[in-house]
Each structure stands twice: as C-alpha cells, then as structure tokens.
Amino acid sequence: MTDAQFEEYARRYSDMIFRVAVNILHQKEDSEDALQNTLIRFYQNKHKLSEEEHIKAWLIRVACNESKRILHKNARRDTVSLGDWALTLFSSDIENRELFIELMRLDEKYSTALYLHYFEGYKAEEIARLTSSTPATVRTRLSRGRELLKNVLSEDDYE
C-alpha cells in the first residue's frame, strides 16, 4: 500500500474510527487519541493489509482495543454531555442523534454491538470477530440492547 492509498483509507475511515472510540470512551480528547493511535498502527501495518473489507474490520478492531486501553489507563472520568457529542456527530440527523444518545447510555457491551450493527452495518458474526466474542453472545447483546432501548424510548414517549 502506498502512502497515497494510506491517506485515502485514513480519510475514508477516520469518522468511523472516531465514532467507535466515542462509543467506548465518551470523551472527545480520549477518542481523538484512540483515532490517532489507530491510524499510527494502521500506518505501521499497512504493508500487511490489502483487502478493503479486511482493512475496515481491522481498523474497527484496533479502534476498540485502543479505546479500551485508554479507558483502563485513565482513572479520570471527565465527560462531555452526550447531547453535545450527538450534535457533533449527527448535526443534521435529529432522529439518529436522539437514538445515538440513548444508545450511548446503555452498558458498553450492548451499545458497541448495537452501534456496529445499525450504524456501521455489521452482521453478528462480524461483530463477534471484532469484539472477541461469539456470534451467539453478540445476538444476545443485540436482542437485550434492543429491548433496553425499546423500554427507554417508550418511557420517553410518556414523559
């Protein structure tokens, strides 16, 4: 892979990597660090990667791992409101912004599975590979996460 190809992939997937990191870290600065670390690792390993679908999956996997590494490293929990994040990520898409806010409030195991499935278009088997779990576990997390979201969203309708 040439430097020009690397730059094209980095440009194409930076927003996705950032959103994956935000999903785990809930902080802009840490998410930017995860994005940067992911792209550095991508550059270092660019000669090993060739197929586009493999590259996208590899980037998501590394972004998840980098985000979790940062999360465990940091003891601080200074956060920005989810509304501010959602506004930044989905500035013109109100429906997805509200759904994203509720999604981010779920436990990480549910929010990661739901985000990768609905926002990034991955199937349970692919999510399982990306998150080091089994397809059955991912399907369970998707089902439980949908149920949790359904309950939260229906509660909001009555308030």
N, C-alpha and C. Protein backbone atom coordinates (compact mmCIF):
# COMPACT_ATOMS: atom_id res chain seq x y z
N MET A 1 0.85 -1.18 0.00
CA MET A 1 0.00 0.00 0.00
C MET A 1 0.89 1.23 0.00
N THR A 2 0.59 2.16 -0.86
CA THR A 2 1.37 3.40 -0.95
C THR A 2 0.90 4.40 0.11
N ASP A 3 1.68 5.45 0.30
CA ASP A 3 1.28 6.49 1.24
C ASP A 3 -0.01 7.17 0.78
N ALA A 4 -0.18 7.34 -0.51
CA ALA A 4 -1.40 7.95 -1.03
C ALA A 4 -2.61 7.07 -0.73
N GLN A 5 -2.47 5.76 -0.87
CA GLN A 5 -3.57 4.85 -0.54
C GLN A 5 -3.86 4.89 0.96
N PHE A 6 -2.79 4.93 1.76
CA PHE A 6 -2.98 5.04 3.21
C PHE A 6 -3.79 6.30 3.54
N GLU A 7 -3.41 7.43 2.95
CA GLU A 7 -4.11 8.69 3.21
C GLU A 7 -5.58 8.59 2.81
N GLU A 8 -5.87 7.93 1.70
CA GLU A 8 -7.25 7.77 1.26
C GLU A 8 -8.04 6.93 2.26
N TYR A 9 -7.48 5.82 2.71
CA TYR A 9 -8.15 4.99 3.71
C TYR A 9 -8.33 5.75 5.02
N ALA A 10 -7.31 6.47 5.43
CA ALA A 10 -7.39 7.25 6.67
C ALA A 10 -8.50 8.29 6.58
N ARG A 11 -8.59 8.96 5.46
CA ARG A 11 -9.63 9.96 5.25
C ARG A 11 -11.02 9.30 5.23
N ARG A 12 -11.12 8.17 4.56
CA ARG A 12 -12.40 7.47 4.42
C ARG A 12 -12.92 6.93 5.75
N TYR A 13 -12.02 6.42 6.60
CA TYR A 13 -12.46 5.72 7.81
C TYR A 13 -12.25 6.48 9.11
N SER A 14 -11.71 7.68 9.07
CA SER A 14 -11.45 8.43 10.31
C SER A 14 -12.71 8.70 11.11
N ASP A 15 -13.78 9.11 10.45
CA ASP A 15 -15.02 9.39 11.17
C ASP A 15 -15.56 8.13 11.84
N MET A 16 -15.51 7.01 11.14
CA MET A 16 -15.99 5.75 11.70
C MET A 16 -15.15 5.35 12.92
N ILE A 17 -13.82 5.45 12.80
CA ILE A 17 -12.94 5.11 13.92
C ILE A 17 -13.24 6.01 15.11
N PHE A 18 -13.43 7.29 14.85
CA PHE A 18 -13.73 8.24 15.92
C PHE A 18 -15.04 7.88 16.61
N ARG A 19 -16.07 7.54 15.82
CA ARG A 19 -17.37 7.18 16.41
C ARG A 19 -17.27 5.90 17.25
N VAL A 20 -16.49 4.94 16.79
CA VAL A 20 -16.28 3.72 17.58
C VAL A 20 -15.62 4.08 18.91
N ALA A 21 -14.63 4.95 18.85
CA ALA A 21 -13.93 5.36 20.07
C ALA A 21 -14.86 6.13 21.01
N VAL A 22 -15.67 7.03 20.47
CA VAL A 22 -16.62 7.78 21.29
C VAL A 22 -17.60 6.84 21.96
N ASN A 23 -18.01 5.81 21.24
CA ASN A 23 -18.94 4.83 21.78
C ASN A 23 -18.39 4.18 23.05
N ILE A 24 -17.09 4.01 23.11
CA ILE A 24 -16.47 3.36 24.26
C ILE A 24 -16.00 4.37 25.30
N LEU A 25 -15.42 5.48 24.85
CA LEU A 25 -14.76 6.40 25.77
C LEU A 25 -15.62 7.55 26.27
N HIS A 26 -16.57 8.00 25.47
CA HIS A 26 -17.47 9.10 25.83
C HIS A 26 -16.73 10.41 26.07
N GLN A 27 -15.53 10.55 25.54
CA GLN A 27 -14.76 11.78 25.71
C GLN A 27 -14.08 12.13 24.40
N LYS A 28 -14.16 13.40 24.05
CA LYS A 28 -13.59 13.85 22.78
C LYS A 28 -12.07 13.65 22.73
N GLU A 29 -11.38 14.12 23.74
CA GLU A 29 -9.92 14.08 23.72
C GLU A 29 -9.41 12.66 23.68
N ASP A 30 -9.96 11.78 24.50
CA ASP A 30 -9.54 10.38 24.51
C ASP A 30 -9.90 9.70 23.19
N SER A 31 -11.04 10.05 22.63
CA SER A 31 -11.44 9.47 21.34
C SER A 31 -10.50 9.91 20.23
N GLU A 32 -10.08 11.17 20.29
CA GLU A 32 -9.09 11.64 19.31
C GLU A 32 -7.77 10.90 19.47
N ASP A 33 -7.37 10.62 20.73
CA ASP A 33 -6.15 9.85 20.96
C ASP A 33 -6.29 8.44 20.39
N ALA A 34 -7.44 7.82 20.60
CA ALA A 34 -7.67 6.47 20.07
C ALA A 34 -7.62 6.49 18.54
N LEU A 35 -8.21 7.52 17.94
CA LEU A 35 -8.16 7.66 16.48
C LEU A 35 -6.71 7.77 16.01
N GLN A 36 -5.96 8.63 16.65
CA GLN A 36 -4.57 8.83 16.27
C GLN A 36 -3.76 7.54 16.44
N ASN A 37 -3.92 6.87 17.57
CA ASN A 37 -3.19 5.62 17.81
C ASN A 37 -3.57 4.55 16.80
N THR A 38 -4.85 4.50 16.45
CA THR A 38 -5.31 3.53 15.46
C THR A 38 -4.67 3.81 14.11
N LEU A 39 -4.64 5.06 13.71
CA LEU A 39 -4.06 5.41 12.41
C LEU A 39 -2.54 5.18 12.40
N ILE A 40 -1.89 5.40 13.51
CA ILE A 40 -0.45 5.11 13.60
C ILE A 40 -0.21 3.61 13.42
N ARG A 41 -1.00 2.81 14.11
CA ARG A 41 -0.85 1.35 13.96
C ARG A 41 -1.18 0.92 12.54
N PHE A 42 -2.17 1.55 11.94
CA PHE A 42 -2.53 1.24 10.55
C PHE A 42 -1.34 1.55 9.63
N TYR A 43 -0.72 2.70 9.83
CA TYR A 43 0.44 3.07 9.00
C TYR A 43 1.59 2.08 9.19
N GLN A 44 1.79 1.67 10.43
CA GLN A 44 2.88 0.73 10.71
C GLN A 44 2.62 -0.64 10.10
N ASN A 45 1.35 -1.00 9.91
CA ASN A 45 0.99 -2.32 9.40
C ASN A 45 0.41 -2.28 8.00
N LYS A 46 0.52 -1.16 7.32
CA LYS A 46 -0.13 -1.00 6.02
C LYS A 46 0.35 -2.01 4.99
N HIS A 47 1.57 -2.45 5.11
CA HIS A 47 2.10 -3.43 4.14
C HIS A 47 1.48 -4.81 4.32
N LYS A 48 0.86 -5.07 5.47
CA LYS A 48 0.26 -6.37 5.75
C LYS A 48 -1.21 -6.43 5.33
N LEU A 49 -1.82 -5.28 5.07
CA LEU A 49 -3.25 -5.22 4.79
C LEU A 49 -3.48 -4.94 3.31
N SER A 50 -4.44 -5.65 2.73
CA SER A 50 -4.66 -5.44 1.29
C SER A 50 -6.13 -5.28 0.92
N GLU A 51 -7.01 -6.15 1.39
CA GLU A 51 -8.41 -6.10 1.00
C GLU A 51 -9.15 -5.04 1.81
N GLU A 52 -10.00 -4.27 1.12
CA GLU A 52 -10.68 -3.15 1.76
C GLU A 52 -11.55 -3.59 2.94
N GLU A 53 -12.33 -4.65 2.76
CA GLU A 53 -13.20 -5.10 3.86
C GLU A 53 -12.37 -5.56 5.05
N HIS A 54 -11.23 -6.17 4.78
CA HIS A 54 -10.33 -6.57 5.85
C HIS A 54 -9.76 -5.35 6.55
N ILE A 55 -9.43 -4.33 5.80
CA ILE A 55 -8.89 -3.09 6.37
C ILE A 55 -9.91 -2.45 7.30
N LYS A 56 -11.16 -2.34 6.86
CA LYS A 56 -12.21 -1.72 7.68
C LYS A 56 -12.40 -2.50 8.98
N ALA A 57 -12.48 -3.82 8.89
CA ALA A 57 -12.64 -4.65 10.09
C ALA A 57 -11.44 -4.51 11.01
N TRP A 58 -10.24 -4.49 10.43
CA TRP A 58 -9.03 -4.35 11.22
C TRP A 58 -9.02 -3.01 11.95
N LEU A 59 -9.42 -1.95 11.27
CA LEU A 59 -9.45 -0.62 11.89
C LEU A 59 -10.45 -0.57 13.05
N ILE A 60 -11.61 -1.18 12.88
CA ILE A 60 -12.60 -1.20 13.97
C ILE A 60 -12.05 -1.97 15.15
N ARG A 61 -11.44 -3.10 14.88
CA ARG A 61 -10.88 -3.92 15.95
C ARG A 61 -9.80 -3.15 16.72
N VAL A 62 -8.90 -2.52 16.00
CA VAL A 62 -7.82 -1.75 16.64
C VAL A 62 -8.40 -0.56 17.39
N ALA A 63 -9.40 0.11 16.82
CA ALA A 63 -10.03 1.25 17.49
C ALA A 63 -10.67 0.81 18.81
N CYS A 64 -11.34 -0.32 18.80
CA CYS A 64 -11.94 -0.86 20.03
C CYS A 64 -10.85 -1.14 21.07
N ASN A 65 -9.80 -1.81 20.63
CA ASN A 65 -8.72 -2.15 21.57
C ASN A 65 -8.01 -0.91 22.10
N GLU A 66 -7.73 0.05 21.22
CA GLU A 66 -7.08 1.29 21.66
C GLU A 66 -7.98 2.04 22.64
N SER A 67 -9.27 2.08 22.36
CA SER A 67 -10.21 2.78 23.23
C SER A 67 -10.27 2.12 24.60
N LYS A 68 -10.33 0.82 24.60
CA LYS A 68 -10.37 0.09 25.88
C LYS A 68 -9.07 0.27 26.66
N ARG A 69 -7.95 0.31 25.94
CA ARG A 69 -6.66 0.54 26.59
C ARG A 69 -6.64 1.91 27.26
N ILE A 70 -7.12 2.91 26.55
CA ILE A 70 -7.17 4.27 27.09
C ILE A 70 -8.14 4.33 28.27
N LEU A 71 -9.28 3.67 28.13
CA LEU A 71 -10.28 3.66 29.19
C LEU A 71 -9.71 3.07 30.47
N HIS A 72 -9.00 1.98 30.35
CA HIS A 72 -8.43 1.33 31.53
C HIS A 72 -7.24 2.09 32.09
N LYS A 73 -6.53 2.80 31.23
CA LYS A 73 -5.37 3.58 31.67
C LYS A 73 -5.79 4.81 32.47
N ASN A 74 -6.87 5.42 32.03
CA ASN A 74 -7.30 6.66 32.66
C ASN A 74 -8.17 6.39 33.88
N ALA A 75 -7.84 7.02 34.95
CA ALA A 75 -8.66 6.89 36.15
C ALA A 75 -9.71 8.00 36.19
N ARG A 76 -9.47 9.06 35.44
CA ARG A 76 -10.40 10.19 35.47
C ARG A 76 -11.64 9.90 34.64
N ARG A 77 -12.72 10.57 34.98
CA ARG A 77 -13.99 10.38 34.28
C ARG A 77 -14.63 11.71 33.93
N ASP A 78 -13.83 12.66 33.44
CA ASP A 78 -14.39 13.93 33.00
C ASP A 78 -15.09 13.69 31.67
N THR A 79 -16.36 13.97 31.62
CA THR A 79 -17.10 13.69 30.39
C THR A 79 -17.81 14.93 29.89
N VAL A 80 -18.08 14.92 28.61
CA VAL A 80 -18.88 15.96 27.97
C VAL A 80 -20.28 15.38 27.83
N SER A 81 -21.28 16.23 27.82
CA SER A 81 -22.64 15.72 27.74
C SER A 81 -22.84 14.96 26.43
N LEU A 82 -23.63 13.90 26.51
CA LEU A 82 -23.91 13.11 25.32
C LEU A 82 -24.64 13.93 24.27
N GLY A 83 -25.44 14.87 24.70
CA GLY A 83 -26.14 15.72 23.74
C GLY A 83 -25.17 16.51 22.88
N ASP A 84 -24.12 17.04 23.50
CA ASP A 84 -23.10 17.77 22.74
C ASP A 84 -22.40 16.86 21.73
N TRP A 85 -22.09 15.62 22.17
CA TRP A 85 -21.45 14.67 21.26
C TRP A 85 -22.36 14.32 20.10
N ALA A 86 -23.58 14.01 20.43
CA ALA A 86 -24.52 13.60 19.38
C ALA A 86 -24.73 14.74 18.38
N LEU A 87 -24.76 15.97 18.88
CA LEU A 87 -24.92 17.12 18.00
C LEU A 87 -23.73 17.23 17.04
N THR A 88 -22.53 16.96 17.56
CA THR A 88 -21.34 16.99 16.73
C THR A 88 -21.35 15.89 15.67
N LEU A 89 -21.73 14.69 16.08
CA LEU A 89 -21.67 13.54 15.18
C LEU A 89 -22.82 13.50 14.18
N PHE A 90 -24.01 13.95 14.62
CA PHE A 90 -25.20 13.86 13.78
C PHE A 90 -25.87 15.22 13.70
N SER A 91 -25.15 16.22 13.25
CA SER A 91 -25.62 17.59 13.28
C SER A 91 -26.94 17.80 12.53
N SER A 92 -27.16 17.10 11.44
CA SER A 92 -28.37 17.35 10.66
C SER A 92 -29.38 16.20 10.73
N ASP A 93 -29.10 15.17 11.50
CA ASP A 93 -29.95 13.99 11.56
C ASP A 93 -30.50 13.83 12.98
N ILE A 94 -31.61 14.52 13.26
CA ILE A 94 -32.16 14.57 14.61
C ILE A 94 -32.55 13.19 15.13
N GLU A 95 -33.18 12.38 14.28
CA GLU A 95 -33.64 11.06 14.71
C GLU A 95 -32.46 10.18 15.13
N ASN A 96 -31.40 10.14 14.31
CA ASN A 96 -30.22 9.35 14.67
C ASN A 96 -29.50 9.94 15.87
N ARG A 97 -29.53 11.26 16.02
CA ARG A 97 -28.89 11.90 17.17
C ARG A 97 -29.55 11.44 18.46
N GLU A 98 -30.87 11.45 18.50
CA GLU A 98 -31.59 11.04 19.72
C GLU A 98 -31.38 9.56 20.00
N LEU A 99 -31.40 8.75 18.96
CA LEU A 99 -31.15 7.32 19.13
C LEU A 99 -29.73 7.08 19.63
N PHE A 100 -28.77 7.81 19.08
CA PHE A 100 -27.39 7.68 19.49
C PHE A 100 -27.21 8.05 20.96
N ILE A 101 -27.87 9.09 21.41
CA ILE A 101 -27.79 9.49 22.82
C ILE A 101 -28.26 8.36 23.73
N GLU A 102 -29.40 7.78 23.40
CA GLU A 102 -29.92 6.69 24.22
C GLU A 102 -29.02 5.46 24.13
N LEU A 103 -28.51 5.21 22.95
CA LEU A 103 -27.60 4.07 22.75
C LEU A 103 -26.36 4.22 23.62
N MET A 104 -25.81 5.42 23.69
CA MET A 104 -24.60 5.67 24.47
C MET A 104 -24.82 5.50 25.97
N ARG A 105 -26.05 5.60 26.39
CA ARG A 105 -26.35 5.45 27.82
C ARG A 105 -26.41 3.99 28.25
N LEU A 106 -26.49 3.09 27.28
CA LEU A 106 -26.52 1.67 27.60
C LEU A 106 -25.14 1.19 28.03
N ASP A 107 -25.12 0.04 28.66
CA ASP A 107 -23.86 -0.62 29.01
C ASP A 107 -23.03 -0.82 27.74
N GLU A 108 -21.72 -0.72 27.86
CA GLU A 108 -20.83 -0.77 26.69
C GLU A 108 -21.04 -2.02 25.84
N LYS A 109 -21.26 -3.17 26.47
CA LYS A 109 -21.39 -4.39 25.68
C LYS A 109 -22.61 -4.34 24.75
N TYR A 110 -23.67 -3.66 25.19
CA TYR A 110 -24.86 -3.53 24.34
C TYR A 110 -24.67 -2.40 23.32
N SER A 111 -24.13 -1.27 23.78
CA SER A 111 -24.00 -0.14 22.87
C SER A 111 -23.02 -0.42 21.74
N THR A 112 -21.94 -1.13 22.03
CA THR A 112 -20.97 -1.45 20.98
C THR A 112 -21.60 -2.36 19.93
N ALA A 113 -22.27 -3.41 20.38
CA ALA A 113 -22.90 -4.34 19.44
C ALA A 113 -23.96 -3.63 18.60
N LEU A 114 -24.82 -2.85 19.25
CA LEU A 114 -25.88 -2.14 18.52
C LEU A 114 -25.31 -1.11 17.56
N TYR A 115 -24.30 -0.38 18.00
CA TYR A 115 -23.70 0.63 17.14
C TYR A 115 -23.10 -0.01 15.89
N LEU A 116 -22.29 -1.05 16.08
CA LEU A 116 -21.65 -1.70 14.94
C LEU A 116 -22.69 -2.31 13.99
N HIS A 117 -23.77 -2.82 14.55
CA HIS A 117 -24.80 -3.44 13.71
C HIS A 117 -25.61 -2.40 12.94
N TYR A 118 -26.14 -1.41 13.63
CA TYR A 118 -27.07 -0.47 12.99
C TYR A 118 -26.40 0.73 12.32
N PHE A 119 -25.33 1.23 12.89
CA PHE A 119 -24.70 2.41 12.32
C PHE A 119 -23.60 2.06 11.32
N GLU A 120 -22.92 0.92 11.53
CA GLU A 120 -21.82 0.54 10.64
C GLU A 120 -22.19 -0.63 9.73
N GLY A 121 -23.33 -1.28 9.98
CA GLY A 121 -23.84 -2.31 9.07
C GLY A 121 -23.20 -3.69 9.20
N TYR A 122 -22.63 -4.01 10.34
CA TYR A 122 -22.01 -5.33 10.51
C TYR A 122 -23.03 -6.36 10.98
N LYS A 123 -22.79 -7.61 10.58
CA LYS A 123 -23.61 -8.75 11.00
C LYS A 123 -23.04 -9.30 12.30
N ALA A 124 -23.83 -10.12 12.98
CA ALA A 124 -23.44 -10.66 14.28
C ALA A 124 -22.10 -11.40 14.22
N GLU A 125 -21.90 -12.18 13.17
CA GLU A 125 -20.65 -12.93 13.04
C GLU A 125 -19.44 -11.99 12.91
N GLU A 126 -19.62 -10.91 12.19
CA GLU A 126 -18.54 -9.94 12.01
C GLU A 126 -18.27 -9.20 13.32
N ILE A 127 -19.33 -8.82 14.01
CA ILE A 127 -19.18 -8.14 15.31
C ILE A 127 -18.47 -9.05 16.29
N ALA A 128 -18.80 -10.33 16.26
CA ALA A 128 -18.16 -11.30 17.15
C ALA A 128 -16.65 -11.31 16.93
N ARG A 129 -16.25 -11.31 15.66
CA ARG A 129 -14.81 -11.29 15.37
C ARG A 129 -14.17 -9.99 15.84
N LEU A 130 -14.88 -8.89 15.66
CA LEU A 130 -14.32 -7.58 16.03
C LEU A 130 -14.22 -7.39 17.54
N THR A 131 -15.12 -8.01 18.28
CA THR A 131 -15.17 -7.80 19.73
C THR A 131 -14.68 -9.00 20.54
N SER A 132 -14.12 -9.99 19.86
CA SER A 132 -13.60 -11.20 20.53
C SER A 132 -14.67 -11.89 21.36
N SER A 133 -15.82 -12.07 20.76
CA SER A 133 -16.90 -12.81 21.42
C SER A 133 -17.48 -13.80 20.42
N THR A 134 -18.50 -14.50 20.83
CA THR A 134 -19.13 -15.48 19.93
C THR A 134 -20.33 -14.84 19.24
N PRO A 135 -20.71 -15.37 18.08
CA PRO A 135 -21.91 -14.84 17.41
C PRO A 135 -23.16 -14.95 18.29
N ALA A 136 -23.28 -16.01 19.06
CA ALA A 136 -24.43 -16.17 19.94
C ALA A 136 -24.45 -15.06 21.01
N THR A 137 -23.30 -14.74 21.54
CA THR A 137 -23.21 -13.67 22.53
C THR A 137 -23.61 -12.34 21.91
N VAL A 138 -23.14 -12.08 20.69
CA VAL A 138 -23.49 -10.84 20.01
C VAL A 138 -24.98 -10.77 19.75
N ARG A 139 -25.57 -11.86 19.29
CA ARG A 139 -27.03 -11.86 19.04
C ARG A 139 -27.80 -11.60 20.34
N THR A 140 -27.32 -12.18 21.43
CA THR A 140 -27.96 -11.94 22.74
C THR A 140 -27.83 -10.47 23.13
N ARG A 141 -26.65 -9.91 22.94
CA ARG A 141 -26.43 -8.49 23.27
C ARG A 141 -27.28 -7.59 22.39
N LEU A 142 -27.41 -7.93 21.12
CA LEU A 142 -28.27 -7.15 20.23
C LEU A 142 -29.72 -7.22 20.69
N SER A 143 -30.17 -8.40 21.02
CA SER A 143 -31.55 -8.58 21.46
C SER A 143 -31.82 -7.84 22.76
N ARG A 144 -30.96 -8.03 23.74
CA ARG A 144 -31.14 -7.36 25.04
C ARG A 144 -30.98 -5.85 24.89
N GLY A 145 -30.02 -5.43 24.08
CA GLY A 145 -29.83 -4.00 23.85
C GLY A 145 -31.04 -3.37 23.19
N ARG A 146 -31.62 -4.04 22.20
CA ARG A 146 -32.84 -3.53 21.55
C ARG A 146 -33.97 -3.42 22.56
N GLU A 147 -34.09 -4.43 23.42
CA GLU A 147 -35.14 -4.40 24.44
C GLU A 147 -34.93 -3.24 25.41
N LEU A 148 -33.68 -3.03 25.83
CA LEU A 148 -33.38 -1.91 26.72
C LEU A 148 -33.70 -0.58 26.04
N LEU A 149 -33.30 -0.44 24.78
CA LEU A 149 -33.59 0.79 24.04
C LEU A 149 -35.09 0.98 23.88
N LYS A 150 -35.78 -0.09 23.58
CA LYS A 150 -37.24 -0.01 23.42
C LYS A 150 -37.89 0.49 24.70
N ASN A 151 -37.46 -0.05 25.82
CA ASN A 151 -38.02 0.38 27.11
C ASN A 151 -37.71 1.85 27.39
N VAL A 152 -36.48 2.25 27.14
CA VAL A 152 -36.09 3.64 27.39
C VAL A 152 -36.85 4.58 26.46
N LEU A 153 -36.92 4.23 25.20
CA LEU A 153 -37.60 5.11 24.23
C LEU A 153 -39.10 5.17 24.48
N SER A 154 -39.70 4.09 24.92
CA SER A 154 -41.13 4.13 25.21
C SER A 154 -41.40 4.92 26.49
N GLU A 155 -40.47 4.88 27.46
CA GLU A 155 -40.60 5.70 28.66
C GLU A 155 -40.54 7.18 28.30
N ASP A 156 -39.64 7.54 27.38
CA ASP A 156 -39.52 8.93 26.96
C ASP A 156 -40.78 9.44 26.30
N ASP A 157 -41.52 8.56 25.62
CA ASP A 157 -42.76 8.97 24.97
C ASP A 157 -43.83 9.37 25.97
N TYR A 158 -43.74 8.81 27.19
CA TYR A 158 -44.76 9.11 28.20
C TYR A 158 -44.39 10.27 29.10
N GLU A 159 -43.17 10.74 29.00
CA GLU A 159 -42.74 11.85 29.87
C GLU A 159 -43.04 13.19 29.25
